[in-house]
Amino acid sequence: AQLVESGGGLVQAGGSLTLSCVASGGTFSSASMGWFREAHLKDREFVAGVTGLSLGGSTFYADSVKGRFTISRDNSKNTLTLQMNKVRPEDTAVYYCAASTLSFQDVYNRRDYNYWGQGTEVTVSV
């Protein structure tokens, strides 16, 4: 299976950006999927996650992005999206798409994801 992100780039603070992730080589409708980010010299951190169909497609967000970012998935297209609004300089990072097909899936825990994309870079200017 493969995850491919797109949509990163340079955006001004207060602006918007949409990240997309397309999954291929497998069926991900039951997988939890999430977005993580890794800023320079920092650990990879949870941004947003959504459970699979069997768990109702519930969404979860890090406090730092709640109310600004929206995660969504289209299972018919095996696509995961992160809509980023009102971005801030501290949102600057490489953003990774991830999927978990494990029997136990904690959307917040990066160790519970067994598929990762290559990352897409987001830079927010002042």
PDB file of N, CA and C in Angstrom:
ATOM      1  N   ALA A   1       0.837  -1.184   0.000  1.00  0.00           N
ATOM      2  CA  ALA A   1       0.000   0.000   0.000  1.00  0.00           C
ATOM      3  C   ALA A   1       0.882   1.247   0.000  1.00  0.00           C
ATOM      4  N   GLN A   2       0.338   2.312  -0.536  1.00  0.00           N
ATOM      5  CA  GLN A   2       1.101   3.550  -0.661  1.00  0.00           C
ATOM      6  C   GLN A   2       0.207   4.753  -0.368  1.00  0.00           C
ATOM      7  N   LEU A   3       0.774   5.723   0.326  1.00  0.00           N
ATOM      8  CA  LEU A   3       0.093   6.980   0.604  1.00  0.00           C
ATOM      9  C   LEU A   3       0.900   8.091  -0.033  1.00  0.00           C
ATOM     10  N   VAL A   4       0.225   8.970  -0.765  1.00  0.00           N
ATOM     11  CA  VAL A   4       0.910  10.064  -1.437  1.00  0.00           C
ATOM     12  C   VAL A   4       0.208  11.375  -1.090  1.00  0.00           C
ATOM     13  N   GLU A   5       0.959  12.286  -0.464  1.00  0.00           N
ATOM     14  CA  GLU A   5       0.423  13.591  -0.094  1.00  0.00           C
ATOM     15  C   GLU A   5       0.689  14.612  -1.186  1.00  0.00           C
ATOM     16  N   SER A   6      -0.137  15.643  -1.193  1.00  0.00           N
ATOM     17  CA  SER A   6       0.075  16.780  -2.078  1.00  0.00           C
ATOM     18  C   SER A   6      -0.587  18.003  -1.457  1.00  0.00           C
ATOM     19  N   GLY A   7      -0.250  19.166  -2.003  1.00  0.00           N
ATOM     20  CA  GLY A   7      -0.924  20.384  -1.575  1.00  0.00           C
ATOM     21  C   GLY A   7      -0.112  21.301  -0.700  1.00  0.00           C
ATOM     22  N   GLY A   8       1.078  20.871  -0.299  1.00  0.00           N
ATOM     23  CA  GLY A   8       1.904  21.740   0.535  1.00  0.00           C
ATOM     24  C   GLY A   8       2.419  22.926  -0.249  1.00  0.00           C
ATOM     25  N   GLY A   9       2.974  23.892   0.481  1.00  0.00           N
ATOM     26  CA  GLY A   9       3.525  25.068  -0.177  1.00  0.00           C
ATOM     27  C   GLY A   9       3.705  26.204   0.790  1.00  0.00           C
ATOM     28  N   LEU A  10       3.854  27.387   0.236  1.00  0.00           N
ATOM     29  CA  LEU A  10       4.051  28.595   1.029  1.00  0.00           C
ATOM     30  C   LEU A  10       2.729  29.350   1.121  1.00  0.00           C
ATOM     31  N   VAL A  11       2.380  29.756   2.332  1.00  0.00           N
ATOM     32  CA  VAL A  11       1.133  30.482   2.537  1.00  0.00           C
ATOM     33  C   VAL A  11       1.372  31.557   3.592  1.00  0.00           C
ATOM     34  N   GLN A  12       0.670  32.660   3.450  1.00  0.00           N
ATOM     35  CA  GLN A  12       0.808  33.731   4.438  1.00  0.00           C
ATOM     36  C   GLN A  12      -0.012  33.426   5.688  1.00  0.00           C
ATOM     37  N   ALA A  13       0.455  33.917   6.792  1.00  0.00           N
ATOM     38  CA  ALA A  13      -0.286  33.751   8.038  1.00  0.00           C
ATOM     39  C   ALA A  13      -1.707  34.295   7.873  1.00  0.00           C
ATOM     40  N   GLY A  14      -2.662  33.529   8.374  1.00  0.00           N
ATOM     41  CA  GLY A  14      -4.063  33.903   8.234  1.00  0.00           C
ATOM     42  C   GLY A  14      -4.731  33.310   7.012  1.00  0.00           C
ATOM     43  N   GLY A  15      -3.931  32.741   6.130  1.00  0.00           N
ATOM     44  CA  GLY A  15      -4.453  32.166   4.901  1.00  0.00           C
ATOM     45  C   GLY A  15      -4.888  30.724   5.059  1.00  0.00           C
ATOM     46  N   SER A  16      -5.163  30.090   3.934  1.00  0.00           N
ATOM     47  CA  SER A  16      -5.663  28.718   3.923  1.00  0.00           C
ATOM     48  C   SER A  16      -4.863  27.848   2.967  1.00  0.00           C
ATOM     49  N   LEU A  17      -4.882  26.566   3.264  1.00  0.00           N
ATOM     50  CA  LEU A  17      -4.198  25.588   2.427  1.00  0.00           C
ATOM     51  C   LEU A  17      -4.924  24.259   2.581  1.00  0.00           C
ATOM     52  N   THR A  18      -4.970  23.482   1.504  1.00  0.00           N
ATOM     53  CA  THR A  18      -5.609  22.174   1.559  1.00  0.00           C
ATOM     54  C   THR A  18      -4.601  21.086   1.211  1.00  0.00           C
ATOM     55  N   LEU A  19      -4.435  20.151   2.123  1.00  0.00           N
ATOM     56  CA  LEU A  19      -3.567  19.004   1.881  1.00  0.00           C
ATOM     57  C   LEU A  19      -4.419  17.799   1.512  1.00  0.00           C
ATOM     58  N   SER A  20      -3.916  17.006   0.577  1.00  0.00           N
ATOM     59  CA  SER A  20      -4.615  15.799   0.169  1.00  0.00           C
ATOM     60  C   SER A  20      -3.688  14.603   0.271  1.00  0.00           C
ATOM     61  N   CYS A  21      -4.294  13.446   0.487  1.00  0.00           N
ATOM     62  CA  CYS A  21      -3.539  12.202   0.566  1.00  0.00           C
ATOM     63  C   CYS A  21      -4.359  11.136  -0.161  1.00  0.00           C
ATOM     64  N   VAL A  22      -3.721  10.496  -1.122  1.00  0.00           N
ATOM     65  CA  VAL A  22      -4.385   9.429  -1.856  1.00  0.00           C
ATOM     66  C   VAL A  22      -3.750   8.105  -1.479  1.00  0.00           C
ATOM     67  N   ALA A  23      -4.580   7.163  -1.084  1.00  0.00           N
ATOM     68  CA  ALA A  23      -4.115   5.834  -0.699  1.00  0.00           C
ATOM     69  C   ALA A  23      -4.342   4.859  -1.849  1.00  0.00           C
ATOM     70  N   SER A  24      -3.387   4.000  -2.085  1.00  0.00           N
ATOM     71  CA  SER A  24      -3.511   3.007  -3.155  1.00  0.00           C
ATOM     72  C   SER A  24      -2.923   1.683  -2.697  1.00  0.00           C
ATOM     73  N   GLY A  25      -3.305   0.645  -3.383  1.00  0.00           N
ATOM     74  CA  GLY A  25      -2.755  -0.671  -3.073  1.00  0.00           C
ATOM     75  C   GLY A  25      -3.427  -1.368  -1.910  1.00  0.00           C
ATOM     76  N   GLY A  26      -4.586  -0.889  -1.525  1.00  0.00           N
ATOM     77  CA  GLY A  26      -5.274  -1.540  -0.424  1.00  0.00           C
ATOM     78  C   GLY A  26      -6.624  -0.901  -0.181  1.00  0.00           C
ATOM     79  N   THR A  27      -7.364  -1.471   0.755  1.00  0.00           N
ATOM     80  CA  THR A  27      -8.660  -0.916   1.135  1.00  0.00           C
ATOM     81  C   THR A  27      -8.515  -0.249   2.489  1.00  0.00           C
ATOM     82  N   PHE A  28      -8.844   1.027   2.546  1.00  0.00           N
ATOM     83  CA  PHE A  28      -8.602   1.799   3.763  1.00  0.00           C
ATOM     84  C   PHE A  28      -9.875   2.279   4.443  1.00  0.00           C
ATOM     85  N   SER A  29     -11.029   1.832   3.990  1.00  0.00           N
ATOM     86  CA  SER A  29     -12.274   2.334   4.568  1.00  0.00           C
ATOM     87  C   SER A  29     -12.408   2.004   6.047  1.00  0.00           C
ATOM     88  N   SER A  30     -11.790   0.909   6.482  1.00  0.00           N
ATOM     89  CA  SER A  30     -11.847   0.545   7.896  1.00  0.00           C
ATOM     90  C   SER A  30     -10.637   1.025   8.681  1.00  0.00           C
ATOM     91  N   ALA A  31      -9.720   1.653   7.989  1.00  0.00           N
ATOM     92  CA  ALA A  31      -8.496   2.109   8.644  1.00  0.00           C
ATOM     93  C   ALA A  31      -8.694   3.471   9.280  1.00  0.00           C
ATOM     94  N   SER A  32      -8.124   3.669  10.440  1.00  0.00           N
ATOM     95  CA  SER A  32      -8.007   5.020  10.975  1.00  0.00           C
ATOM     96  C   SER A  32      -6.964   5.738  10.154  1.00  0.00           C
ATOM     97  N   MET A  33      -7.198   6.990   9.891  1.00  0.00           N
ATOM     98  CA  MET A  33      -6.235   7.770   9.119  1.00  0.00           C
ATOM     99  C   MET A  33      -5.976   9.081   9.833  1.00  0.00           C
ATOM    100  N   GLY A  34      -4.789   9.598   9.626  1.00  0.00           N
ATOM    101  CA  GLY A  34      -4.456  10.815  10.345  1.00  0.00           C
ATOM    102  C   GLY A  34      -3.416  11.654   9.639  1.00  0.00           C
ATOM    103  N   TRP A  35      -3.282  12.860  10.147  1.00  0.00           N
ATOM    104  CA  TRP A  35      -2.237  13.782   9.720  1.00  0.00           C
ATOM    105  C   TRP A  35      -1.332  14.057  10.916  1.00  0.00           C
ATOM    106  N   PHE A  36      -0.064  13.974  10.676  1.00  0.00           N
ATOM    107  CA  PHE A  36       0.955  14.324  11.651  1.00  0.00           C
ATOM    108  C   PHE A  36       1.859  15.377  11.029  1.00  0.00           C
ATOM    109  N   ARG A  37       2.590  16.062  11.858  1.00  0.00           N
ATOM    110  CA  ARG A  37       3.544  17.039  11.334  1.00  0.00           C
ATOM    111  C   ARG A  37       4.832  17.012  12.128  1.00  0.00           C
ATOM    112  N   GLU A  38       5.871  17.416  11.434  1.00  0.00           N
ATOM    113  CA  GLU A  38       7.201  17.418  12.051  1.00  0.00           C
ATOM    114  C   GLU A  38       7.871  18.732  11.721  1.00  0.00           C
ATOM    115  N   ALA A  39       7.986  19.580  12.704  1.00  0.00           N
ATOM    116  CA  ALA A  39       8.683  20.851  12.534  1.00  0.00           C
ATOM    117  C   ALA A  39      10.169  20.642  12.724  1.00  0.00           C
ATOM    118  N   HIS A  40      10.931  21.615  12.283  1.00  0.00           N
ATOM    119  CA  HIS A  40      12.389  21.514  12.351  1.00  0.00           C
ATOM    120  C   HIS A  40      12.861  21.273  13.790  1.00  0.00           C
ATOM    121  N   LEU A  41      13.617  20.216  13.962  1.00  0.00           N
ATOM    122  CA  LEU A  41      14.212  19.844  15.256  1.00  0.00           C
ATOM    123  C   LEU A  41      13.162  19.459  16.304  1.00  0.00           C
ATOM    124  N   LYS A  42      11.970  19.123  15.862  1.00  0.00           N
ATOM    125  CA  LYS A  42      10.941  18.711  16.808  1.00  0.00           C
ATOM    126  C   LYS A  42      10.445  17.307  16.460  1.00  0.00           C
ATOM    127  N   ASP A  43       9.809  16.671  17.423  1.00  0.00           N
ATOM    128  CA  ASP A  43       9.253  15.340  17.190  1.00  0.00           C
ATOM    129  C   ASP A  43       8.011  15.427  16.316  1.00  0.00           C
ATOM    130  N   ARG A  44       7.723  14.326  15.665  1.00  0.00           N
ATOM    131  CA  ARG A  44       6.499  14.251  14.882  1.00  0.00           C
ATOM    132  C   ARG A  44       5.297  14.251  15.833  1.00  0.00           C
ATOM    133  N   GLU A  45       4.332  15.119  15.539  1.00  0.00           N
ATOM    134  CA  GLU A  45       3.196  15.254  16.437  1.00  0.00           C
ATOM    135  C   GLU A  45       1.867  15.063  15.710  1.00  0.00           C
ATOM    136  N   PHE A  46       0.897  14.634  16.470  1.00  0.00           N
ATOM    137  CA  PHE A  46      -0.448  14.425  15.948  1.00  0.00           C
ATOM    138  C   PHE A  46      -1.089  15.765  15.614  1.00  0.00           C
ATOM    139  N   VAL A  47      -1.790  15.804  14.480  1.00  0.00           N
ATOM    140  CA  VAL A  47      -2.527  17.003  14.068  1.00  0.00           C
ATOM    141  C   VAL A  47      -4.028  16.719  14.075  1.00  0.00           C
ATOM    142  N   ALA A  48      -4.414  15.681  13.338  1.00  0.00           N
ATOM    143  CA  ALA A  48      -5.834  15.353  13.234  1.00  0.00           C
ATOM    144  C   ALA A  48      -5.975  13.900  12.809  1.00  0.00           C
ATOM    145  N   GLY A  49      -7.084  13.282  13.195  1.00  0.00           N
ATOM    146  CA  GLY A  49      -7.307  11.905  12.825  1.00  0.00           C
ATOM    147  C   GLY A  49      -8.779  11.622  12.625  1.00  0.00           C
ATOM    148  N   VAL A  50      -9.056  10.558  11.890  1.00  0.00           N
ATOM    149  CA  VAL A  50     -10.439  10.149  11.650  1.00  0.00           C
ATOM    150  C   VAL A  50     -10.484   8.630  11.666  1.00  0.00           C
ATOM    151  N   THR A  51     -11.462   8.083  12.379  1.00  0.00           N
ATOM    152  CA  THR A  51     -11.567   6.637  12.463  1.00  0.00           C
ATOM    153  C   THR A  51     -12.193   6.063  11.195  1.00  0.00           C
ATOM    154  N   GLY A  52     -12.115   4.743  11.074  1.00  0.00           N
ATOM    155  CA  GLY A  52     -12.684   4.079   9.924  1.00  0.00           C
ATOM    156  C   GLY A  52     -14.200   3.959  10.020  1.00  0.00           C
ATOM    157  N   LEU A  53     -14.789   3.395   8.982  1.00  0.00           N
ATOM    158  CA  LEU A  53     -16.253   3.277   8.913  1.00  0.00           C
ATOM    159  C   LEU A  53     -16.827   2.517  10.091  1.00  0.00           C
ATOM    160  N   SER A  54     -16.145   1.451  10.470  1.00  0.00           N
ATOM    161  CA  SER A  54     -16.653   0.602  11.556  1.00  0.00           C
ATOM    162  C   SER A  54     -16.718   1.329  12.889  1.00  0.00           C
ATOM    163  N   LEU A  55     -15.944   2.423  13.021  1.00  0.00           N
ATOM    164  CA  LEU A  55     -15.940   3.217  14.253  1.00  0.00           C
ATOM    165  C   LEU A  55     -16.618   4.559  14.032  1.00  0.00           C
ATOM    166  N   GLY A  56     -17.339   4.670  12.952  1.00  0.00           N
ATOM    167  CA  GLY A  56     -18.189   5.836  12.745  1.00  0.00           C
ATOM    168  C   GLY A  56     -17.556   7.047  12.102  1.00  0.00           C
ATOM    169  N   GLY A  57     -16.308   6.933  11.704  1.00  0.00           N
ATOM    170  CA  GLY A  57     -15.672   8.072  11.066  1.00  0.00           C
ATOM    171  C   GLY A  57     -15.551   9.281  11.970  1.00  0.00           C
ATOM    172  N   SER A  58     -15.303   9.058  13.239  1.00  0.00           N
ATOM    173  CA  SER A  58     -15.166  10.160  14.200  1.00  0.00           C
ATOM    174  C   SER A  58     -13.860  10.907  13.970  1.00  0.00           C
ATOM    175  N   THR A  59     -13.900  12.203  14.225  1.00  0.00           N
ATOM    176  CA  THR A  59     -12.717  13.042  14.015  1.00  0.00           C
ATOM    177  C   THR A  59     -12.135  13.522  15.328  1.00  0.00           C
ATOM    178  N   PHE A  60     -10.829  13.732  15.312  1.00  0.00           N
ATOM    179  CA  PHE A  60     -10.102  14.146  16.501  1.00  0.00           C
ATOM    180  C   PHE A  60      -9.043  15.164  16.080  1.00  0.00           C
ATOM    181  N   TYR A  61      -8.778  16.130  16.960  1.00  0.00           N
ATOM    182  CA  TYR A  61      -7.833  17.195  16.632  1.00  0.00           C
ATOM    183  C   TYR A  61      -6.918  17.504  17.794  1.00  0.00           C
ATOM    184  N   ALA A  62      -5.706  17.901  17.465  1.00  0.00           N
ATOM    185  CA  ALA A  62      -4.829  18.460  18.475  1.00  0.00           C
ATOM    186  C   ALA A  62      -5.388  19.807  18.906  1.00  0.00           C
ATOM    187  N   ASP A  63      -5.190  20.161  20.158  1.00  0.00           N
ATOM    188  CA  ASP A  63      -5.717  21.427  20.668  1.00  0.00           C
ATOM    189  C   ASP A  63      -5.213  22.615  19.851  1.00  0.00           C
ATOM    190  N   SER A  64      -3.997  22.514  19.372  1.00  0.00           N
ATOM    191  CA  SER A  64      -3.379  23.637  18.666  1.00  0.00           C
ATOM    192  C   SER A  64      -4.045  23.948  17.328  1.00  0.00           C
ATOM    193  N   VAL A  65      -4.795  22.991  16.779  1.00  0.00           N
ATOM    194  CA  VAL A  65      -5.412  23.215  15.466  1.00  0.00           C
ATOM    195  C   VAL A  65      -6.930  23.179  15.527  1.00  0.00           C
ATOM    196  N   LYS A  66      -7.467  22.860  16.683  1.00  0.00           N
ATOM    197  CA  LYS A  66      -8.918  22.736  16.808  1.00  0.00           C
ATOM    198  C   LYS A  66      -9.588  24.059  16.452  1.00  0.00           C
ATOM    199  N   GLY A  67     -10.609  23.982  15.619  1.00  0.00           N
ATOM    200  CA  GLY A  67     -11.319  25.184  15.184  1.00  0.00           C
ATOM    201  C   GLY A  67     -10.710  25.838  13.957  1.00  0.00           C
ATOM    202  N   ARG A  68      -9.533  25.409  13.555  1.00  0.00           N
ATOM    203  CA  ARG A  68      -8.874  25.986  12.375  1.00  0.00           C
ATOM    204  C   ARG A  68      -8.709  24.957  11.254  1.00  0.00           C
ATOM    205  N   PHE A  69      -8.428  23.708  11.631  1.00  0.00           N
ATOM    206  CA  PHE A  69      -8.197  22.652  10.648  1.00  0.00           C
ATOM    207  C   PHE A  69      -9.388  21.701  10.640  1.00  0.00           C
ATOM    208  N   THR A  70      -9.641  21.107   9.466  1.00  0.00           N
ATOM    209  CA  THR A  70     -10.704  20.122   9.336  1.00  0.00           C
ATOM    210  C   THR A  70     -10.193  18.924   8.556  1.00  0.00           C
ATOM    211  N   ILE A  71     -10.353  17.754   9.142  1.00  0.00           N
ATOM    212  CA  ILE A  71      -9.959  16.528   8.467  1.00  0.00           C
ATOM    213  C   ILE A  71     -11.211  15.865   7.897  1.00  0.00           C
ATOM    214  N   SER A  72     -11.069  15.289   6.712  1.00  0.00           N
ATOM    215  CA  SER A  72     -12.185  14.581   6.107  1.00  0.00           C
ATOM    216  C   SER A  72     -11.637  13.461   5.227  1.00  0.00           C
ATOM    217  N   ARG A  73     -12.507  12.497   4.959  1.00  0.00           N
ATOM    218  CA  ARG A  73     -12.084  11.378   4.121  1.00  0.00           C
ATOM    219  C   ARG A  73     -13.196  11.044   3.136  1.00  0.00           C
ATOM    220  N   ASP A  74     -12.782  10.579   1.968  1.00  0.00           N
ATOM    221  CA  ASP A  74     -13.709  10.112   0.951  1.00  0.00           C
ATOM    222  C   ASP A  74     -13.315   8.670   0.652  1.00  0.00           C
ATOM    223  N   ASN A  75     -14.034   7.741   1.247  1.00  0.00           N
ATOM    224  CA  ASN A  75     -13.663   6.329   1.109  1.00  0.00           C
ATOM    225  C   ASN A  75     -13.847   5.827  -0.315  1.00  0.00           C
ATOM    226  N   SER A  76     -14.742   6.425  -1.065  1.00  0.00           N
ATOM    227  CA  SER A  76     -14.952   5.992  -2.446  1.00  0.00           C
ATOM    228  C   SER A  76     -13.745   6.312  -3.319  1.00  0.00           C
ATOM    229  N   LYS A  77     -12.951   7.316  -2.879  1.00  0.00           N
ATOM    230  CA  LYS A  77     -11.769   7.721  -3.635  1.00  0.00           C
ATOM    231  C   LYS A  77     -10.481   7.429  -2.886  1.00  0.00           C
ATOM    232  N   ASN A  78     -10.614   6.776  -1.720  1.00  0.00           N
ATOM    233  CA  ASN A  78      -9.429   6.494  -0.895  1.00  0.00           C
ATOM    234  C   ASN A  78      -8.605   7.760  -0.664  1.00  0.00           C
ATOM    235  N   THR A  79      -9.300   8.836  -0.331  1.00  0.00           N
ATOM    236  CA  THR A  79      -8.639  10.138  -0.184  1.00  0.00           C
ATOM    237  C   THR A  79      -8.869  10.714   1.199  1.00  0.00           C
ATOM    238  N   LEU A  80      -7.818  11.307   1.737  1.00  0.00           N
ATOM    239  CA  LEU A  80      -7.869  11.990   3.024  1.00  0.00           C
ATOM    240  C   LEU A  80      -7.489  13.445   2.779  1.00  0.00           C
ATOM    241  N   THR A  81      -8.213  14.352   3.400  1.00  0.00           N
ATOM    242  CA  THR A  81      -7.976  15.781   3.185  1.00  0.00           C
ATOM    243  C   THR A  81      -7.798  16.496   4.513  1.00  0.00           C
ATOM    244  N   LEU A  82      -6.924  17.488   4.515  1.00  0.00           N
ATOM    245  CA  LEU A  82      -6.778  18.363   5.677  1.00  0.00           C
ATOM    246  C   LEU A  82      -6.950  19.798   5.195  1.00  0.00           C
ATOM    247  N   GLN A  83      -8.038  20.406   5.580  1.00  0.00           N
ATOM    248  CA  GLN A  83      -8.290  21.808   5.259  1.00  0.00           C
ATOM    249  C   GLN A  83      -7.717  22.654   6.379  1.00  0.00           C
ATOM    250  N   MET A  84      -6.763  23.496   6.020  1.00  0.00           N
ATOM    251  CA  MET A  84      -6.068  24.311   7.003  1.00  0.00           C
ATOM    252  C   MET A  84      -6.482  25.766   6.810  1.00  0.00           C
ATOM    253  N   ASN A  85      -7.134  26.335   7.801  1.00  0.00           N
ATOM    254  CA  ASN A  85      -7.554  27.735   7.758  1.00  0.00           C
ATOM    255  C   ASN A  85      -6.863  28.517   8.862  1.00  0.00           C
ATOM    256  N   LYS A  86      -6.786  29.820   8.666  1.00  0.00           N
ATOM    257  CA  LYS A  86      -6.189  30.711   9.670  1.00  0.00           C
ATOM    258  C   LYS A  86      -4.829  30.177  10.114  1.00  0.00           C
ATOM    259  N   VAL A  87      -4.005  29.826   9.162  1.00  0.00           N
ATOM    260  CA  VAL A  87      -2.716  29.231   9.499  1.00  0.00           C
ATOM    261  C   VAL A  87      -1.817  30.237  10.209  1.00  0.00           C
ATOM    262  N   ARG A  88      -0.908  29.692  10.984  1.00  0.00           N
ATOM    263  CA  ARG A  88       0.012  30.487  11.789  1.00  0.00           C
ATOM    264  C   ARG A  88       1.443  30.071  11.470  1.00  0.00           C
ATOM    265  N   PRO A  89       2.402  30.926  11.744  1.00  0.00           N
ATOM    266  CA  PRO A  89       3.804  30.531  11.495  1.00  0.00           C
ATOM    267  C   PRO A  89       4.183  29.231  12.204  1.00  0.00           C
ATOM    268  N   GLU A  90       3.609  28.989  13.368  1.00  0.00           N
ATOM    269  CA  GLU A  90       3.934  27.761  14.098  1.00  0.00           C
ATOM    270  C   GLU A  90       3.340  26.510  13.454  1.00  0.00           C
ATOM    271  N   ASP A  91       2.538  26.659  12.411  1.00  0.00           N
ATOM    272  CA  ASP A  91       2.052  25.512  11.652  1.00  0.00           C
ATOM    273  C   ASP A  91       3.072  25.048  10.609  1.00  0.00           C
ATOM    274  N   THR A  92       4.144  25.786  10.473  1.00  0.00           N
ATOM    275  CA  THR A  92       5.191  25.410   9.522  1.00  0.00           C
ATOM    276  C   THR A  92       5.796  24.060   9.902  1.00  0.00           C
ATOM    277  N   ALA A  93       5.770  23.119   8.966  1.00  0.00           N
ATOM    278  CA  ALA A  93       6.258  21.762   9.238  1.00  0.00           C
ATOM    279  C   ALA A  93       6.127  20.921   7.975  1.00  0.00           C
ATOM    280  N   VAL A  94       6.680  19.742   8.038  1.00  0.00           N
ATOM    281  CA  VAL A  94       6.393  18.725   7.026  1.00  0.00           C
ATOM    282  C   VAL A  94       5.193  17.930   7.544  1.00  0.00           C
ATOM    283  N   TYR A  95       4.180  17.828   6.713  1.00  0.00           N
ATOM    284  CA  TYR A  95       2.952  17.142   7.097  1.00  0.00           C
ATOM    285  C   TYR A  95       2.905  15.757   6.468  1.00  0.00           C
ATOM    286  N   TYR A  96       2.582  14.778   7.305  1.00  0.00           N
ATOM    287  CA  TYR A  96       2.544  13.389   6.881  1.00  0.00           C
ATOM    288  C   TYR A  96       1.139  12.817   7.011  1.00  0.00           C
ATOM    289  N   CYS A  97       0.753  12.088   6.010  1.00  0.00           N
ATOM    290  CA  CYS A  97      -0.491  11.319   6.030  1.00  0.00           C
ATOM    291  C   CYS A  97      -0.154   9.924   6.546  1.00  0.00           C
ATOM    292  N   ALA A  98      -1.056   9.352   7.335  1.00  0.00           N
ATOM    293  CA  ALA A  98      -0.803   8.027   7.875  1.00  0.00           C
ATOM    294  C   ALA A  98      -2.101   7.225   7.934  1.00  0.00           C
ATOM    295  N   ALA A  99      -1.939   5.908   7.874  1.00  0.00           N
ATOM    296  CA  ALA A  99      -3.101   5.014   7.963  1.00  0.00           C
ATOM    297  C   ALA A  99      -2.763   3.854   8.883  1.00  0.00           C
ATOM    298  N   SER A 100      -3.774   3.401   9.606  1.00  0.00           N
ATOM    299  CA  SER A 100      -3.580   2.275  10.503  1.00  0.00           C
ATOM    300  C   SER A 100      -4.561   1.178  10.175  1.00  0.00           C
ATOM    301  N   THR A 101      -4.032   0.016   9.825  1.00  0.00           N
ATOM    302  CA  THR A 101      -4.864  -1.163   9.592  1.00  0.00           C
ATOM    303  C   THR A 101      -4.682  -2.174  10.716  1.00  0.00           C
ATOM    304  N   LEU A 102      -4.083  -1.726  11.809  1.00  0.00           N
ATOM    305  CA  LEU A 102      -3.841  -2.607  12.947  1.00  0.00           C
ATOM    306  C   LEU A 102      -5.152  -2.901  13.666  1.00  0.00           C
ATOM    307  N   SER A 103      -5.153  -3.970  14.427  1.00  0.00           N
ATOM    308  CA  SER A 103      -6.387  -4.350  15.120  1.00  0.00           C
ATOM    309  C   SER A 103      -6.737  -3.344  16.209  1.00  0.00           C
ATOM    310  N   PHE A 104      -5.709  -2.725  16.797  1.00  0.00           N
ATOM    311  CA  PHE A 104      -5.944  -1.675  17.775  1.00  0.00           C
ATOM    312  C   PHE A 104      -5.456  -0.364  17.188  1.00  0.00           C
ATOM    313  N   GLN A 105      -6.310   0.636  17.140  1.00  0.00           N
ATOM    314  CA  GLN A 105      -5.972   1.892  16.497  1.00  0.00           C
ATOM    315  C   GLN A 105      -6.264   3.069  17.425  1.00  0.00           C
ATOM    316  N   ASP A 106      -5.195   3.668  17.911  1.00  0.00           N
ATOM    317  CA  ASP A 106      -5.321   4.893  18.684  1.00  0.00           C
ATOM    318  C   ASP A 106      -4.939   6.023  17.745  1.00  0.00           C
ATOM    319  N   VAL A 107      -5.903   6.821  17.333  1.00  0.00           N
ATOM    320  CA  VAL A 107      -5.633   7.825  16.298  1.00  0.00           C
ATOM    321  C   VAL A 107      -4.583   8.839  16.724  1.00  0.00           C
ATOM    322  N   TYR A 108      -4.399   9.032  18.033  1.00  0.00           N
ATOM    323  CA  TYR A 108      -3.447  10.021  18.514  1.00  0.00           C
ATOM    324  C   TYR A 108      -2.006   9.528  18.489  1.00  0.00           C
ATOM    325  N   ASN A 109      -1.832   8.209  18.466  1.00  0.00           N
ATOM    326  CA  ASN A 109      -0.510   7.622  18.674  1.00  0.00           C
ATOM    327  C   ASN A 109       0.150   7.263  17.351  1.00  0.00           C
ATOM    328  N   ARG A 110       1.245   7.903  17.032  1.00  0.00           N
ATOM    329  CA  ARG A 110       1.904   7.666  15.752  1.00  0.00           C
ATOM    330  C   ARG A 110       2.395   6.223  15.636  1.00  0.00           C
ATOM    331  N   ARG A 111       2.645   5.574  16.771  1.00  0.00           N
ATOM    332  CA  ARG A 111       3.125   4.182  16.736  1.00  0.00           C
ATOM    333  C   ARG A 111       2.021   3.201  16.343  1.00  0.00           C
ATOM    334  N   ASP A 112       0.781   3.654  16.304  1.00  0.00           N
ATOM    335  CA  ASP A 112      -0.324   2.790  15.910  1.00  0.00           C
ATOM    336  C   ASP A 112      -0.648   2.898  14.421  1.00  0.00           C
ATOM    337  N   TYR A 113       0.213   3.605  13.680  1.00  0.00           N
ATOM    338  CA  TYR A 113       0.018   3.732  12.235  1.00  0.00           C
ATOM    339  C   TYR A 113       1.084   2.890  11.530  1.00  0.00           C
ATOM    340  N   ASN A 114       0.651   2.077  10.584  1.00  0.00           N
ATOM    341  CA  ASN A 114       1.600   1.222   9.899  1.00  0.00           C
ATOM    342  C   ASN A 114       1.841   1.604   8.444  1.00  0.00           C
ATOM    343  N   TYR A 115       1.185   2.674   7.972  1.00  0.00           N
ATOM    344  CA  TYR A 115       1.468   3.193   6.640  1.00  0.00           C
ATOM    345  C   TYR A 115       1.667   4.701   6.739  1.00  0.00           C
ATOM    346  N   TRP A 116       2.692   5.179   6.021  1.00  0.00           N
ATOM    347  CA  TRP A 116       3.021   6.610   6.040  1.00  0.00           C
ATOM    348  C   TRP A 116       3.308   7.107   4.632  1.00  0.00           C
ATOM    349  N   GLY A 117       2.920   8.356   4.394  1.00  0.00           N
ATOM    350  CA  GLY A 117       3.316   9.004   3.161  1.00  0.00           C
ATOM    351  C   GLY A 117       4.711   9.577   3.279  1.00  0.00           C
ATOM    352  N   GLN A 118       5.162  10.201   2.205  1.00  0.00           N
ATOM    353  CA  GLN A 118       6.523  10.740   2.177  1.00  0.00           C
ATOM    354  C   GLN A 118       6.592  12.156   2.751  1.00  0.00           C
ATOM    355  N   GLY A 119       5.454  12.783   2.943  1.00  0.00           N
ATOM    356  CA  GLY A 119       5.410  14.114   3.544  1.00  0.00           C
ATOM    357  C   GLY A 119       5.280  15.217   2.516  1.00  0.00           C
ATOM    358  N   THR A 120       4.645  16.299   2.917  1.00  0.00           N
ATOM    359  CA  THR A 120       4.536  17.489   2.087  1.00  0.00           C
ATOM    360  C   THR A 120       4.818  18.694   2.983  1.00  0.00           C
ATOM    361  N   GLU A 121       5.619  19.610   2.484  1.00  0.00           N
ATOM    362  CA  GLU A 121       6.089  20.706   3.317  1.00  0.00           C
ATOM    363  C   GLU A 121       5.142  21.896   3.262  1.00  0.00           C
ATOM    364  N   VAL A 122       4.867  22.427   4.438  1.00  0.00           N
ATOM    365  CA  VAL A 122       4.039  23.618   4.567  1.00  0.00           C
ATOM    366  C   VAL A 122       4.860  24.693   5.264  1.00  0.00           C
ATOM    367  N   THR A 123       4.929  25.861   4.635  1.00  0.00           N
ATOM    368  CA  THR A 123       5.634  26.992   5.224  1.00  0.00           C
ATOM    369  C   THR A 123       4.675  28.164   5.333  1.00  0.00           C
ATOM    370  N   VAL A 124       4.539  28.676   6.545  1.00  0.00           N
ATOM    371  CA  VAL A 124       3.658  29.809   6.788  1.00  0.00           C
ATOM    372  C   VAL A 124       4.509  31.034   7.075  1.00  0.00           C
ATOM    373  N   SER A 125       4.362  32.048   6.239  1.00  0.00           N
ATOM    374  CA  SER A 125       5.152  33.275   6.402  1.00  0.00           C
ATOM    375  C   SER A 125       4.378  34.304   7.224  1.00  0.00           C
ATOM    376  N   VAL A 126       5.137  35.143   7.887  1.00  0.00           N
ATOM    377  CA  VAL A 126       4.533  36.187   8.730  1.00  0.00           C
ATOM    378  C   VAL A 126       3.910  37.270   7.859  1.00  0.00           C
TER     379      VAL A 126
END
